[in-house]
């Protein structure tokens, strides 16, 4: 078994996320994901077919952001975690969302870890 960490850091998406009236319009959200993946063996063919293609992860997060939106960051990170865990090779996923523009003096976010 070969263990790898795949990291997608600070993916910037514009989406509706929040409970306040001013959050009805799309706002900047940064999404970071760290996957712990078990491959049966270390990739030896230098081929994307042997590993998780992170293009699909990025596209999946963009699709979630393009939807109706979420009231809670907790809901967003759970949906991203479920997207990641759909690949049976993923043993653990850490997902963080961050809203950098809510406050003038701080960013606010949510982070979870989910394991198989």
Protein backbone atom coordinates (compact mmCIF):
# COMPACT_ATOMS: atom_id res chain seq x y z
CA UNK A 1 0.00 0.00 0.00
CA UNK A 2 1.28 3.48 -0.87
CA UNK A 3 -0.03 6.51 1.03
CA UNK A 4 -0.14 9.96 -0.55
CA UNK A 5 -1.50 13.35 0.43
CA UNK A 6 -3.19 15.37 -2.29
CA UNK A 7 -3.67 19.05 -1.47
CA UNK A 8 -5.90 21.63 -3.11
CA UNK A 9 -5.26 24.90 -1.30
CA UNK A 10 -7.28 28.12 -1.29
CA UNK A 11 -9.46 27.40 -4.31
CA UNK A 12 -11.26 30.72 -4.83
CA UNK A 13 -14.95 30.44 -5.66
CA UNK A 14 -17.72 33.01 -5.72
CA UNK A 15 -20.85 31.64 -4.10
CA UNK A 16 -23.84 32.37 -1.91
CA UNK A 17 -22.87 31.33 1.60
CA UNK A 18 -24.33 32.78 4.76
CA UNK A 19 -27.39 33.61 6.79
CA UNK A 20 -27.36 37.42 6.59
CA UNK A 21 -29.29 39.40 3.96
CA UNK A 22 -26.07 40.92 2.55
CA UNK A 23 -24.79 37.36 1.93
CA UNK A 24 -27.55 36.67 -0.61
CA UNK A 25 -25.17 37.86 -3.32
CA UNK A 26 -22.18 35.67 -4.18
CA UNK A 27 -19.08 36.32 -2.09
CA UNK A 28 -15.51 35.06 -2.19
CA UNK A 29 -14.98 31.74 -0.42
CA UNK A 30 -11.64 29.96 -0.21
CA UNK A 31 -11.81 26.16 -0.06
CA UNK A 32 -8.87 23.97 0.92
CA UNK A 33 -8.83 20.18 0.82
CA UNK A 34 -6.23 17.67 1.99
CA UNK A 35 -6.84 14.07 1.01
CA UNK A 36 -5.02 11.06 2.42
CA UNK A 37 -5.14 8.43 -0.28
CA UNK A 38 -4.11 4.79 -0.31
CA UNK A 39 -3.04 3.40 -3.66
CA UNK A 40 -2.43 -0.35 -3.99
CA UNK A 41 1.15 0.49 -4.96
CA UNK A 42 3.22 3.54 -5.82
CA UNK A 43 2.35 4.77 -9.32
CA UNK A 44 4.95 3.39 -11.69
CA UNK A 45 3.68 4.41 -15.12
CA UNK A 46 3.60 8.21 -14.67
CA UNK A 47 -0.05 8.00 -15.74
CA UNK A 48 -3.05 9.92 -14.40
CA UNK A 49 -5.02 6.67 -14.63
CA UNK A 50 -3.12 5.37 -11.58
CA UNK A 51 -3.95 8.27 -9.26
CA UNK A 52 -6.75 10.57 -8.19
CA UNK A 53 -7.24 13.28 -10.80
CA UNK A 54 -7.59 16.51 -8.82
CA UNK A 55 -9.19 18.20 -11.84
CA UNK A 56 -12.37 16.34 -10.89
CA UNK A 57 -12.13 17.56 -7.31
CA UNK A 58 -11.72 21.16 -8.42
CA UNK A 59 -14.60 20.87 -10.89
CA UNK A 60 -16.81 19.28 -8.21
CA UNK A 61 -16.20 22.16 -5.81
CA UNK A 62 -16.94 24.68 -8.56
CA UNK A 63 -20.21 22.83 -9.27
CA UNK A 64 -21.20 23.02 -5.59
CA UNK A 65 -20.40 26.74 -5.58
CA UNK A 66 -22.50 27.29 -8.70
CA UNK A 67 -25.58 25.74 -7.06
CA UNK A 68 -28.20 27.39 -4.89
CA UNK A 69 -25.73 28.19 -2.14
CA UNK A 70 -25.59 27.26 1.53
CA UNK A 71 -26.60 28.96 4.74
CA UNK A 72 -23.75 27.39 6.71
CA UNK A 73 -20.08 26.79 6.08
CA UNK A 74 -20.57 23.52 7.96
CA UNK A 75 -22.91 22.32 5.20
CA UNK A 76 -20.46 23.34 2.48
CA UNK A 77 -17.49 21.50 4.01
CA UNK A 78 -19.60 18.37 4.61
CA UNK A 79 -20.63 18.34 0.93
CA UNK A 80 -17.03 18.75 -0.19
CA UNK A 81 -15.95 15.93 2.16
CA UNK A 82 -18.66 13.66 0.74
CA UNK A 83 -17.48 14.48 -2.79
CA UNK A 84 -13.95 13.44 -1.84
CA UNK A 85 -14.97 10.27 0.00
CA UNK A 86 -16.88 9.08 -3.07
CA UNK A 87 -13.48 7.85 -4.28
CA UNK A 88 -12.87 4.62 -2.31
CA UNK A 89 -9.11 5.23 -2.26
CA UNK A 90 -9.57 8.30 -0.04
CA UNK A 91 -9.00 7.29 3.59
CA UNK A 92 -9.24 10.74 5.16
CA UNK A 93 -10.22 14.21 4.05
CA UNK A 94 -9.69 17.57 5.73
CA UNK A 95 -11.81 20.38 4.30
CA UNK A 96 -11.61 24.06 5.21
CA UNK A 97 -13.74 26.92 4.00
CA UNK A 98 -12.82 30.52 4.65
CA UNK A 99 -14.78 33.71 4.07
CA UNK A 100 -12.08 36.40 3.89
CA UNK A 101 -14.32 39.44 3.46
CA UNK A 102 -16.95 39.07 6.23
CA UNK A 103 -15.07 41.19 8.75
CA UNK A 104 -12.56 43.96 8.11
CA UNK A 105 -10.17 42.59 10.72
CA UNK A 106 -10.48 38.78 10.43
CA UNK A 107 -11.33 35.87 8.18
CA UNK A 108 -13.95 33.36 9.33
CA UNK A 109 -14.08 29.70 8.44
CA UNK A 110 -14.90 26.12 9.25
CA UNK A 111 -12.75 22.99 9.08
CA UNK A 112 -13.62 19.31 9.41
CA UNK A 113 -11.85 15.98 9.17
CA UNK A 114 -13.71 12.91 7.98
CA UNK A 115 -12.31 9.41 7.89
CA UNK A 116 -13.44 6.24 6.23
